[in-house]
Amino acid sequence: MDEIKGYEIPIHRSLTEQILLGGVPRQIALLNGTLGAAMVIGLHSWIGIPICLFIHVIAVAATKKDPQFFDCFKRHINQKSYYST
């Protein structure tokens, strides 16, 4: 099909793709960074750095597999169970 001039508009990528920081969604990166800072600065525990790096690697893997993973997980956690077993 030939394109009709004037009927095509550019859409910015930020409207269709998630905002990622370091390969993970922005909220998860901020949460992980805050947790790491609290462990290292607040508790004076250097073990917090490898723990947060491990969490970040797991989050990157989950985001690469499914970019909407954390949104779906958050919705799953908030959903009420209607059938008790």
N, C-alpha and C. Protein backbone atom coordinates (compact mmCIF):
# COMPACT_ATOMS: atom_id res chain seq x y z
N MET A 1 0.83 -1.18 0.00
CA MET A 1 0.00 0.00 0.00
C MET A 1 0.87 1.24 0.00
N ASP A 2 0.43 2.21 -0.74
CA ASP A 2 1.13 3.49 -0.74
C ASP A 2 0.68 4.32 0.45
N GLU A 3 1.63 5.03 1.03
CA GLU A 3 1.31 5.89 2.16
C GLU A 3 0.67 7.18 1.66
N ILE A 4 -0.32 7.62 2.37
CA ILE A 4 -0.97 8.88 2.04
C ILE A 4 -0.30 9.95 2.87
N LYS A 5 0.20 10.98 2.24
CA LYS A 5 0.91 12.04 2.95
C LYS A 5 -0.06 12.82 3.82
N GLY A 6 0.39 13.13 5.03
CA GLY A 6 -0.43 13.89 5.96
C GLY A 6 -1.22 13.04 6.92
N TYR A 7 -1.23 11.72 6.72
CA TYR A 7 -1.98 10.83 7.61
C TYR A 7 -1.06 9.97 8.47
N GLU A 8 0.18 10.35 8.57
CA GLU A 8 1.14 9.62 9.39
C GLU A 8 1.78 10.59 10.35
N ILE A 9 1.73 10.27 11.64
CA ILE A 9 2.34 11.14 12.63
C ILE A 9 3.35 10.33 13.43
N PRO A 10 4.47 10.95 13.77
CA PRO A 10 5.46 10.24 14.58
C PRO A 10 5.00 10.15 16.04
N ILE A 11 5.25 9.03 16.67
CA ILE A 11 4.92 8.83 18.08
C ILE A 11 6.23 8.65 18.83
N HIS A 12 6.37 9.37 19.91
CA HIS A 12 7.60 9.29 20.70
C HIS A 12 7.70 7.91 21.35
N ARG A 13 8.90 7.35 21.42
CA ARG A 13 9.09 6.02 21.99
C ARG A 13 8.68 5.92 23.44
N SER A 14 8.78 7.01 24.18
CA SER A 14 8.44 6.96 25.61
C SER A 14 6.95 6.71 25.82
N LEU A 15 6.12 6.92 24.82
CA LEU A 15 4.70 6.65 24.96
C LEU A 15 4.37 5.17 24.77
N THR A 16 5.27 4.42 24.16
CA THR A 16 4.99 3.02 23.87
C THR A 16 5.90 2.06 24.63
N GLU A 17 7.03 2.53 25.15
CA GLU A 17 7.97 1.67 25.86
C GLU A 17 8.11 2.11 27.30
N GLN A 18 8.49 1.17 28.17
CA GLN A 18 8.70 1.49 29.58
C GLN A 18 9.99 2.27 29.77
N ILE A 19 10.03 3.07 30.83
CA ILE A 19 11.24 3.78 31.19
C ILE A 19 12.08 2.82 32.05
N LEU A 20 13.28 2.50 31.58
CA LEU A 20 14.14 1.56 32.28
C LEU A 20 15.38 2.28 32.81
N LEU A 21 15.81 1.92 33.99
CA LEU A 21 17.06 2.39 34.57
C LEU A 21 17.94 1.17 34.81
N GLY A 22 19.02 1.08 34.09
CA GLY A 22 19.91 -0.07 34.24
C GLY A 22 19.29 -1.37 33.80
N GLY A 23 18.29 -1.32 32.92
CA GLY A 23 17.67 -2.53 32.41
C GLY A 23 16.46 -3.02 33.19
N VAL A 24 16.08 -2.30 34.25
CA VAL A 24 14.90 -2.67 35.04
C VAL A 24 13.94 -1.48 35.09
N PRO A 25 12.67 -1.73 35.36
CA PRO A 25 11.73 -0.61 35.49
C PRO A 25 12.18 0.39 36.56
N ARG A 26 11.83 1.64 36.36
CA ARG A 26 12.30 2.72 37.21
C ARG A 26 11.95 2.51 38.68
N GLN A 27 10.74 2.06 38.97
CA GLN A 27 10.33 1.87 40.36
C GLN A 27 11.16 0.79 41.05
N ILE A 28 11.45 -0.28 40.34
CA ILE A 28 12.23 -1.37 40.92
C ILE A 28 13.67 -0.91 41.16
N ALA A 29 14.24 -0.15 40.21
CA ALA A 29 15.61 0.35 40.38
C ALA A 29 15.70 1.30 41.57
N LEU A 30 14.71 2.17 41.74
CA LEU A 30 14.72 3.09 42.88
C LEU A 30 14.56 2.34 44.20
N LEU A 31 13.69 1.35 44.22
CA LEU A 31 13.49 0.55 45.43
C LEU A 31 14.75 -0.21 45.79
N ASN A 32 15.40 -0.82 44.81
CA ASN A 32 16.62 -1.58 45.05
C ASN A 32 17.75 -0.65 45.49
N GLY A 33 17.87 0.51 44.87
CA GLY A 33 18.91 1.46 45.26
C GLY A 33 18.70 1.99 46.68
N THR A 34 17.45 2.25 47.03
CA THR A 34 17.15 2.71 48.38
C THR A 34 17.45 1.63 49.41
N LEU A 35 17.09 0.39 49.09
CA LEU A 35 17.39 -0.73 49.99
C LEU A 35 18.90 -0.88 50.17
N GLY A 36 19.64 -0.78 49.08
CA GLY A 36 21.10 -0.89 49.16
C GLY A 36 21.72 0.22 49.96
N ALA A 37 21.24 1.46 49.75
CA ALA A 37 21.78 2.59 50.50
C ALA A 37 21.46 2.46 51.98
N ALA A 38 20.27 1.98 52.30
CA ALA A 38 19.90 1.81 53.70
C ALA A 38 20.77 0.75 54.37
N MET A 39 21.08 -0.32 53.64
CA MET A 39 21.90 -1.38 54.23
C MET A 39 23.35 -0.92 54.39
N VAL A 40 23.90 -0.25 53.38
CA VAL A 40 25.31 0.12 53.43
C VAL A 40 25.53 1.32 54.34
N ILE A 41 24.74 2.37 54.18
CA ILE A 41 24.96 3.59 54.96
C ILE A 41 24.35 3.46 56.36
N GLY A 42 23.10 3.00 56.41
CA GLY A 42 22.41 2.95 57.70
C GLY A 42 22.91 1.86 58.61
N LEU A 43 23.10 0.67 58.09
CA LEU A 43 23.50 -0.46 58.92
C LEU A 43 25.00 -0.71 58.92
N HIS A 44 25.76 0.03 58.11
CA HIS A 44 27.21 -0.14 57.97
C HIS A 44 27.55 -1.59 57.63
N SER A 45 26.76 -2.16 56.74
CA SER A 45 26.96 -3.54 56.34
C SER A 45 27.30 -3.59 54.85
N TRP A 46 28.54 -3.95 54.55
CA TRP A 46 28.97 -4.00 53.15
C TRP A 46 28.39 -5.19 52.41
N ILE A 47 27.77 -6.11 53.11
CA ILE A 47 27.13 -7.26 52.45
C ILE A 47 25.93 -6.81 51.62
N GLY A 48 25.45 -5.60 51.86
CA GLY A 48 24.31 -5.07 51.12
C GLY A 48 24.61 -4.85 49.65
N ILE A 49 25.86 -4.57 49.31
CA ILE A 49 26.22 -4.33 47.90
C ILE A 49 26.05 -5.59 47.06
N PRO A 50 26.63 -6.75 47.44
CA PRO A 50 26.40 -7.94 46.62
C PRO A 50 24.94 -8.39 46.60
N ILE A 51 24.23 -8.19 47.72
CA ILE A 51 22.82 -8.57 47.75
C ILE A 51 22.03 -7.75 46.75
N CYS A 52 22.26 -6.43 46.73
CA CYS A 52 21.53 -5.58 45.79
C CYS A 52 21.95 -5.82 44.34
N LEU A 53 23.21 -6.14 44.12
CA LEU A 53 23.64 -6.49 42.76
C LEU A 53 22.97 -7.78 42.28
N PHE A 54 22.84 -8.74 43.18
CA PHE A 54 22.16 -9.99 42.84
C PHE A 54 20.69 -9.73 42.52
N ILE A 55 20.03 -8.90 43.34
CA ILE A 55 18.62 -8.55 43.08
C ILE A 55 18.49 -7.84 41.75
N HIS A 56 19.44 -6.96 41.43
CA HIS A 56 19.40 -6.23 40.16
C HIS A 56 19.55 -7.17 38.97
N VAL A 57 20.46 -8.13 39.08
CA VAL A 57 20.66 -9.09 37.98
C VAL A 57 19.40 -9.93 37.77
N ILE A 58 18.76 -10.36 38.85
CA ILE A 58 17.51 -11.12 38.73
C ILE A 58 16.42 -10.26 38.10
N ALA A 59 16.36 -8.99 38.49
CA ALA A 59 15.35 -8.08 37.93
C ALA A 59 15.60 -7.83 36.44
N VAL A 60 16.86 -7.71 36.04
CA VAL A 60 17.18 -7.52 34.62
C VAL A 60 16.77 -8.75 33.83
N ALA A 61 17.03 -9.93 34.35
CA ALA A 61 16.64 -11.16 33.65
C ALA A 61 15.13 -11.26 33.51
N ALA A 62 14.39 -10.91 34.57
CA ALA A 62 12.93 -10.95 34.50
C ALA A 62 12.40 -9.91 33.51
N THR A 63 13.02 -8.74 33.47
CA THR A 63 12.58 -7.69 32.55
C THR A 63 12.89 -8.06 31.11
N LYS A 64 14.02 -8.70 30.86
CA LYS A 64 14.35 -9.11 29.49
C LYS A 64 13.37 -10.18 29.00
N LYS A 65 12.97 -11.07 29.90
CA LYS A 65 12.05 -12.12 29.50
C LYS A 65 10.65 -11.56 29.24
N ASP A 66 10.19 -10.67 30.14
CA ASP A 66 8.87 -10.06 29.99
C ASP A 66 8.93 -8.64 30.56
N PRO A 67 8.90 -7.61 29.70
CA PRO A 67 9.01 -6.24 30.19
C PRO A 67 7.89 -5.82 31.14
N GLN A 68 6.76 -6.48 31.12
CA GLN A 68 5.64 -6.13 31.98
C GLN A 68 5.56 -7.02 33.22
N PHE A 69 6.63 -7.75 33.53
CA PHE A 69 6.62 -8.73 34.62
C PHE A 69 6.26 -8.09 35.96
N PHE A 70 6.90 -6.98 36.31
CA PHE A 70 6.70 -6.39 37.62
C PHE A 70 5.32 -5.75 37.75
N ASP A 71 4.79 -5.21 36.66
CA ASP A 71 3.43 -4.67 36.70
C ASP A 71 2.42 -5.79 36.92
N CYS A 72 2.60 -6.90 36.24
CA CYS A 72 1.70 -8.05 36.42
C CYS A 72 1.84 -8.64 37.82
N PHE A 73 3.06 -8.71 38.33
CA PHE A 73 3.28 -9.25 39.68
C PHE A 73 2.63 -8.35 40.72
N LYS A 74 2.75 -7.04 40.57
CA LYS A 74 2.13 -6.11 41.51
C LYS A 74 0.60 -6.25 41.47
N ARG A 75 0.04 -6.41 40.29
CA ARG A 75 -1.41 -6.60 40.16
C ARG A 75 -1.83 -7.93 40.77
N HIS A 76 -1.01 -8.96 40.62
CA HIS A 76 -1.31 -10.27 41.18
C HIS A 76 -1.32 -10.22 42.71
N ILE A 77 -0.36 -9.51 43.30
CA ILE A 77 -0.28 -9.40 44.76
C ILE A 77 -1.49 -8.66 45.31
N ASN A 78 -1.95 -7.62 44.62
CA ASN A 78 -3.07 -6.81 45.11
C ASN A 78 -4.44 -7.45 44.86
N GLN A 79 -4.50 -8.46 44.00
CA GLN A 79 -5.78 -9.07 43.66
C GLN A 79 -6.27 -9.95 44.82
N LYS A 80 -7.56 -9.82 45.13
CA LYS A 80 -8.14 -10.62 46.19
C LYS A 80 -8.40 -12.04 45.68
N SER A 81 -8.24 -13.02 46.57
CA SER A 81 -8.55 -14.38 46.17
C SER A 81 -10.03 -14.66 46.46
N TYR A 82 -10.72 -15.09 45.45
CA TYR A 82 -12.14 -15.35 45.59
C TYR A 82 -12.41 -16.80 45.98
N TYR A 83 -11.50 -17.66 45.65
CA TYR A 83 -11.69 -19.08 45.96
C TYR A 83 -10.67 -19.51 46.99
N SER A 84 -11.11 -19.80 48.19
CA SER A 84 -10.18 -20.26 49.21
C SER A 84 -9.99 -21.77 49.08
N THR A 85 -8.79 -22.21 49.25
CA THR A 85 -8.52 -23.65 49.16
C THR A 85 -7.96 -24.17 50.45
